[in-house]
C-alpha atoms as a PDB file:
ATOM      1  CA  MET A   1       0.149  -9.933  39.046  1.00  0.00           C
ATOM      2  CA  PRO A   2       0.060  -6.804  36.948  1.00  0.00           C
ATOM      3  CA  SER A   3      -1.196  -7.452  33.331  1.00  0.00           C
ATOM      4  CA  ASN A   4       2.030  -6.426  31.871  1.00  0.00           C
ATOM      5  CA  ASP A   5       3.899  -9.177  33.391  1.00  0.00           C
ATOM      6  CA  LEU A   6       1.638 -11.809  31.941  1.00  0.00           C
ATOM      7  CA  CYS A   7       3.089 -11.101  28.418  1.00  0.00           C
ATOM      8  CA  PHE A   8       6.673 -12.188  29.680  1.00  0.00           C
ATOM      9  CA  LEU A   9       5.312 -15.520  30.852  1.00  0.00           C
ATOM     10  CA  GLY A  10       6.115 -18.482  28.863  1.00  0.00           C
ATOM     11  CA  ALA A  11       3.181 -20.455  27.170  1.00  0.00           C
ATOM     12  CA  CYS A  12       2.898 -23.207  29.756  1.00  0.00           C
ATOM     13  CA  GLU A  13       2.725 -20.776  32.675  1.00  0.00           C
ATOM     14  CA  GLN A  14      -0.081 -18.717  30.872  1.00  0.00           C
ATOM     15  CA  GLU A  15      -2.055 -21.896  30.094  1.00  0.00           C
ATOM     16  CA  GLN A  16      -1.842 -22.752  33.756  1.00  0.00           C
ATOM     17  CA  LEU A  17      -3.064 -19.641  34.954  1.00  0.00           C
ATOM     18  CA  ILE A  18      -5.951 -19.710  32.702  1.00  0.00           C
ATOM     19  CA  ARG A  19      -6.723 -23.549  33.285  1.00  0.00           C
ATOM     20  CA  SER A  20      -6.379 -22.779  37.244  1.00  0.00           C
ATOM     21  CA  LYS A  21      -8.663 -19.695  36.569  1.00  0.00           C
ATOM     22  CA  LYS A  22      -6.035 -17.290  38.282  1.00  0.00           C
ATOM     23  CA  ILE A  23      -6.711 -15.183  35.281  1.00  0.00           C
ATOM     24  CA  SER A  24      -9.099 -14.819  32.665  1.00  0.00           C
ATOM     25  CA  VAL A  25      -8.514 -15.256  28.790  1.00  0.00           C
ATOM     26  CA  THR A  26      -9.842 -11.970  28.447  1.00  0.00           C
ATOM     27  CA  GLN A  27      -7.268 -10.496  30.946  1.00  0.00           C
ATOM     28  CA  LEU A  28      -4.469 -12.336  29.109  1.00  0.00           C
ATOM     29  CA  ILE A  29      -5.467 -10.969  25.487  1.00  0.00           C
ATOM     30  CA  THR A  30      -5.945  -7.455  26.801  1.00  0.00           C
ATOM     31  CA  ALA A  31      -2.717  -7.627  28.409  1.00  0.00           C
ATOM     32  CA  HIS A  32      -0.892  -8.842  25.034  1.00  0.00           C
ATOM     33  CA  LEU A  33      -3.059  -6.167  23.014  1.00  0.00           C
ATOM     34  CA  ASP A  34      -1.952  -3.190  25.432  1.00  0.00           C
ATOM     35  CA  GLN A  35       1.740  -4.319  24.921  1.00  0.00           C
ATOM     36  CA  VAL A  36       0.816  -4.176  20.977  1.00  0.00           C
ATOM     37  CA  GLU A  37      -0.676  -0.906  21.273  1.00  0.00           C
ATOM     38  CA  ARG A  38       2.300   0.551  23.199  1.00  0.00           C
ATOM     39  CA  PHE A  39       5.083  -0.763  21.336  1.00  0.00           C
ATOM     40  CA  ASN A  40       3.820  -1.281  17.577  1.00  0.00           C
ATOM     41  CA  PRO A  41       4.020   2.426  16.636  1.00  0.00           C
ATOM     42  CA  THR A  42       7.772   1.900  17.110  1.00  0.00           C
ATOM     43  CA  LEU A  43       8.595  -1.665  16.119  1.00  0.00           C
ATOM     44  CA  ASN A  44       5.857  -2.206  13.407  1.00  0.00           C
ATOM     45  CA  ALA A  45       6.035  -5.686  14.051  1.00  0.00           C
ATOM     46  CA  ILE A  46       2.083  -6.186  13.580  1.00  0.00           C
ATOM     47  CA  VAL A  47       1.029  -5.177  10.124  1.00  0.00           C
ATOM     48  CA  THR A  48      -2.836  -6.365  10.565  1.00  0.00           C
ATOM     49  CA  LEU A  49      -4.022  -6.019  14.230  1.00  0.00           C
ATOM     50  CA  THR A  50      -7.318  -8.198  14.667  1.00  0.00           C
ATOM     51  CA  ALA A  51      -7.962  -6.726  18.377  1.00  0.00           C
ATOM     52  CA  GLU A  52     -11.753  -6.556  18.204  1.00  0.00           C
ATOM     53  CA  SER A  53     -12.022 -10.374  16.998  1.00  0.00           C
ATOM     54  CA  ALA A  54      -9.373 -11.429  19.502  1.00  0.00           C
ATOM     55  CA  LEU A  55     -11.445  -9.921  22.395  1.00  0.00           C
ATOM     56  CA  GLN A  56     -14.626 -11.673  21.142  1.00  0.00           C
ATOM     57  CA  ALA A  57     -12.742 -14.847  20.986  1.00  0.00           C
ATOM     58  CA  ALA A  58     -11.332 -14.374  24.325  1.00  0.00           C
ATOM     59  CA  LYS A  59     -14.960 -13.724  25.859  1.00  0.00           C
ATOM     60  CA  GLU A  60     -15.970 -16.943  24.045  1.00  0.00           C
ATOM     61  CA  ALA A  61     -13.037 -18.792  25.628  1.00  0.00           C
ATOM     62  CA  ASP A  62     -13.969 -17.774  28.929  1.00  0.00           C
ATOM     63  CA  ALA A  63     -17.381 -18.587  28.720  1.00  0.00           C
ATOM     64  CA  GLN A  64     -16.240 -22.205  27.444  1.00  0.00           C
ATOM     65  CA  LEU A  65     -14.296 -22.252  30.690  1.00  0.00           C
ATOM     66  CA  ALA A  66     -17.263 -21.346  32.782  1.00  0.00           C
ATOM     67  CA  ARG A  67     -19.422 -24.094  31.170  1.00  0.00           C
ATOM     68  CA  GLN A  68     -16.651 -26.429  31.546  1.00  0.00           C
ATOM     69  CA  ASP A  69     -16.672 -27.465  27.911  1.00  0.00           C
ATOM     70  CA  ALA A  70     -13.789 -29.553  26.372  1.00  0.00           C
ATOM     71  CA  ILE A  71     -10.909 -27.251  25.492  1.00  0.00           C
ATOM     72  CA  GLY A  72      -7.707 -27.571  23.187  1.00  0.00           C
ATOM     73  CA  ALA A  73      -4.054 -27.447  24.357  1.00  0.00           C
ATOM     74  CA  LEU A  74      -3.519 -23.930  23.380  1.00  0.00           C
ATOM     75  CA  HIS A  75      -6.940 -22.603  24.908  1.00  0.00           C
ATOM     76  CA  GLY A  76      -6.903 -18.661  25.211  1.00  0.00           C
ATOM     77  CA  LEU A  77      -3.059 -18.463  24.208  1.00  0.00           C
ATOM     78  CA  PRO A  78      -2.381 -15.495  22.238  1.00  0.00           C
ATOM     79  CA  VAL A  79      -0.764 -16.005  18.794  1.00  0.00           C
ATOM     80  CA  ALA A  80       0.201 -13.740  15.921  1.00  0.00           C
ATOM     81  CA  HIS A  81       0.621 -15.114  12.339  1.00  0.00           C
ATOM     82  CA  LYS A  82       3.355 -14.026   9.762  1.00  0.00           C
ATOM     83  CA  ASP A  83       1.744 -12.323   6.929  1.00  0.00           C
ATOM     84  CA  LEU A  84       2.653 -15.414   4.807  1.00  0.00           C
ATOM     85  CA  PHE A  85      -0.172 -17.613   6.367  1.00  0.00           C
ATOM     86  CA  LEU A  86      -3.518 -17.592   4.918  1.00  0.00           C
ATOM     87  CA  THR A  87      -5.965 -16.394   7.532  1.00  0.00           C
ATOM     88  CA  LYS A  88      -9.709 -16.680   6.639  1.00  0.00           C
ATOM     89  CA  GLY A  89     -11.167 -13.301   6.452  1.00  0.00           C
ATOM     90  CA  VAL A  90      -8.073 -11.453   7.654  1.00  0.00           C
ATOM     91  CA  LYS A  91      -5.728  -9.537   4.867  1.00  0.00           C
ATOM     92  CA  THR A  92      -2.827 -11.459   3.896  1.00  0.00           C
ATOM     93  CA  THR A  93      -0.397  -9.745   1.646  1.00  0.00           C
ATOM     94  CA  PHE A  94       2.755 -11.834   1.387  1.00  0.00           C
ATOM     95  CA  GLY A  95       4.542  -8.504   2.071  1.00  0.00           C
ATOM     96  CA  SER A  96       3.807  -7.470  -1.302  1.00  0.00           C
ATOM     97  CA  PRO A  97       1.813  -4.500  -2.833  1.00  0.00           C
ATOM     98  CA  ILE A  98       0.433  -6.846  -5.494  1.00  0.00           C
ATOM     99  CA  TYR A  99      -1.873  -8.518  -2.530  1.00  0.00           C
ATOM    100  CA  LYS A 100      -2.757  -5.396  -0.681  1.00  0.00           C
ATOM    101  CA  ASP A 101      -6.408  -6.239  -0.793  1.00  0.00           C
ATOM    102  CA  ASN A 102      -6.138 -10.108  -0.591  1.00  0.00           C
ATOM    103  CA  ILE A 103      -8.722 -11.241   1.963  1.00  0.00           C
ATOM    104  CA  PRO A 104      -8.236 -15.335   1.931  1.00  0.00           C
ATOM    105  CA  GLN A 105     -11.401 -17.464   2.220  1.00  0.00           C
ATOM    106  CA  VAL A 106      -9.453 -20.128   3.852  1.00  0.00           C
ATOM    107  CA  ASP A 107      -6.877 -20.575   6.836  1.00  0.00           C
ATOM    108  CA  SER A 108      -3.595 -22.297   6.125  1.00  0.00           C
ATOM    109  CA  LEU A 109      -3.168 -25.495   7.843  1.00  0.00           C
ATOM    110  CA  PRO A 110      -1.001 -24.051  10.852  1.00  0.00           C
ATOM    111  CA  VAL A 111      -3.532 -21.425  11.376  1.00  0.00           C
ATOM    112  CA  GLU A 112      -6.459 -23.832  11.271  1.00  0.00           C
ATOM    113  CA  ARG A 113      -4.829 -26.165  13.814  1.00  0.00           C
ATOM    114  CA  GLN A 114      -3.668 -23.389  16.072  1.00  0.00           C
ATOM    115  CA  LYS A 115      -7.377 -22.232  16.058  1.00  0.00           C
ATOM    116  CA  ASN A 116      -8.629 -25.682  16.496  1.00  0.00           C
ATOM    117  CA  ALA A 117      -6.499 -26.008  19.611  1.00  0.00           C
ATOM    118  CA  GLY A 118      -7.812 -22.930  21.113  1.00  0.00           C
ATOM    119  CA  ALA A 119      -5.326 -20.216  20.078  1.00  0.00           C
ATOM    120  CA  ILE A 120      -6.514 -16.690  19.687  1.00  0.00           C
ATOM    121  CA  SER A 121      -5.024 -14.577  16.880  1.00  0.00           C
ATOM    122  CA  LEU A 122      -3.913 -11.053  17.682  1.00  0.00           C
ATOM    123  CA  GLY A 123      -3.202 -10.418  13.670  1.00  0.00           C
ATOM    124  CA  LYS A 124      -0.397 -10.661  11.497  1.00  0.00           C
ATOM    125  CA  THR A 125       3.064  -9.731  11.601  1.00  0.00           C
ATOM    126  CA  ASN A 126       5.386  -8.160   9.058  1.00  0.00           C
ATOM    127  CA  THR A 127       7.287  -9.949   6.566  1.00  0.00           C
ATOM    128  CA  PRO A 128       9.554  -9.418   3.809  1.00  0.00           C
ATOM    129  CA  LYS A 129       8.114  -9.238   0.431  1.00  0.00           C
ATOM    130  CA  HIS A 130       7.726 -12.920  -0.602  1.00  0.00           C
ATOM    131  CA  THR A 131      10.226 -13.669   2.194  1.00  0.00           C
ATOM    132  CA  LYS A 132      13.011 -12.831  -0.076  1.00  0.00           C
ATOM    133  CA  THR A 133      14.412  -9.700   1.592  1.00  0.00           C
ATOM    134  CA  LYS A 134      15.301  -8.359   4.956  1.00  0.00           C
ATOM    135  CA  ALA A 135      12.246  -7.655   7.270  1.00  0.00           C
ATOM    136  CA  ASN A 136      13.245  -3.872   7.774  1.00  0.00           C
ATOM    137  CA  LYS A 137      12.939  -3.281   4.116  1.00  0.00           C
ATOM    138  CA  VAL A 138       9.243  -4.119   3.395  1.00  0.00           C
ATOM    139  CA  PRO A 139       8.004  -1.291   1.137  1.00  0.00           C
ATOM    140  CA  ILE A 140       4.236  -2.040   1.854  1.00  0.00           C
ATOM    141  CA  LEU A 141       4.428  -2.563   5.434  1.00  0.00           C
ATOM    142  CA  VAL A 142       6.942   0.114   6.785  1.00  0.00           C
ATOM    143  CA  LYS A 143      10.224  -0.447   8.641  1.00  0.00           C
ATOM    144  CA  SER A 144      10.245  -2.945  11.438  1.00  0.00           C
ATOM    145  CA  VAL A 145      12.779  -3.128  14.232  1.00  0.00           C
ATOM    146  CA  ILE A 146      14.415  -6.601  14.890  1.00  0.00           C
ATOM    147  CA  ILE A 147      15.174  -7.510  18.463  1.00  0.00           C
ATOM    148  CA  PRO A 148      16.642 -10.543  19.683  1.00  0.00           C
ATOM    149  CA  LEU A 149      14.370 -12.859  21.409  1.00  0.00           C
ATOM    150  CA  PRO A 150      15.011 -13.321  24.946  1.00  0.00           C
ATOM    151  CA  THR A 151      13.827 -16.431  26.600  1.00  0.00           C
ATOM    152  CA  ASN A 152      11.983 -17.923  29.660  1.00  0.00           C
ATOM    153  CA  LYS A 153      13.834 -20.051  32.353  1.00  0.00           C
ATOM    154  CA  GLU A 154      13.318 -22.908  30.064  1.00  0.00           C
ATOM    155  CA  GLY A 155      15.088 -21.392  27.214  1.00  0.00           C
ATOM    156  CA  ILE A 156      11.986 -21.088  25.154  1.00  0.00           C
ATOM    157  CA  PRO A 157      11.089 -17.593  23.596  1.00  0.00           C
ATOM    158  CA  THR A 158       7.768 -16.097  24.469  1.00  0.00           C
ATOM    159  CA  ILE A 159       4.946 -15.985  22.050  1.00  0.00           C
ATOM    160  CA  ILE A 160       4.828 -12.551  20.604  1.00  0.00           C
ATOM    161  CA  PRO A 161       8.370 -10.833  20.315  1.00  0.00           C
ATOM    162  CA  VAL A 162       6.827  -7.314  20.607  1.00  0.00           C
ATOM    163  CA  MET A 163       5.722  -8.020  23.870  1.00  0.00           C
ATOM    164  CA  MET A 164       9.347  -8.337  25.389  1.00  0.00           C
ATOM    165  CA  VAL A 165      10.660  -4.931  24.672  1.00  0.00           C
ATOM    166  CA  GLU A 166       9.918  -3.250  28.053  1.00  0.00           C
ATOM    167  CA  LYS A 167      11.867  -5.833  30.039  1.00  0.00           C
ATOM    168  CA  GLU A 168      14.716  -5.798  27.578  1.00  0.00           C
ATOM    169  CA  GLY A 169      15.083  -2.122  27.957  1.00  0.00           C
ATOM    170  CA  VAL A 170      14.517  -1.343  24.239  1.00  0.00           C
END
C-alpha cells in the first residue's frame, strides 16, 4: 500500500495494520507528516508542527510493539490538537498574539488521555482567536482553508483533515 493511502484510512483500519505489523508506527506517522508538508503551505491547518517529537514517539511505539509491551487503544495513531488545548512543552496560543510565547507545563485532560492511550501528536491546528471568529480570519496564525470532511465507509471522518485534500481534488 502506498504510504499516501495510509492517510485516508480510518483510525480502526490504521490501528489494525499496526497491530498486525503490516505497517510500522513510523511508516504511518511519516506518511501523515509527508501529507502535512505537502498541503500545509496552502491550507495553514497545522500552526505548530511537532514532526521531530512525533517521529521519536513513533520509534518508541514500534519498540514497544517489538517488546510486546502492553499498548493503549490509540497506540501509534496520529492526532493533532486544536490550539486551544494545553500541550506540555508545545506552544499553545489560543489563536491570540497575547499567548504567542505560551509554553504550557501540563497537558489538558483530553491531550493527556490521548497520550496515555498511545496517540502521537503531530502538532497544533489553527483556531480562531479565543474561538470567537471564523478560522480563516486568525491574525496571528495566517489564513486557513476550510474544506468539508469526507468520511470513510463507516461515515467517520478521518483523523487529520489536512490529509484528505489530494483525494478530494482540492
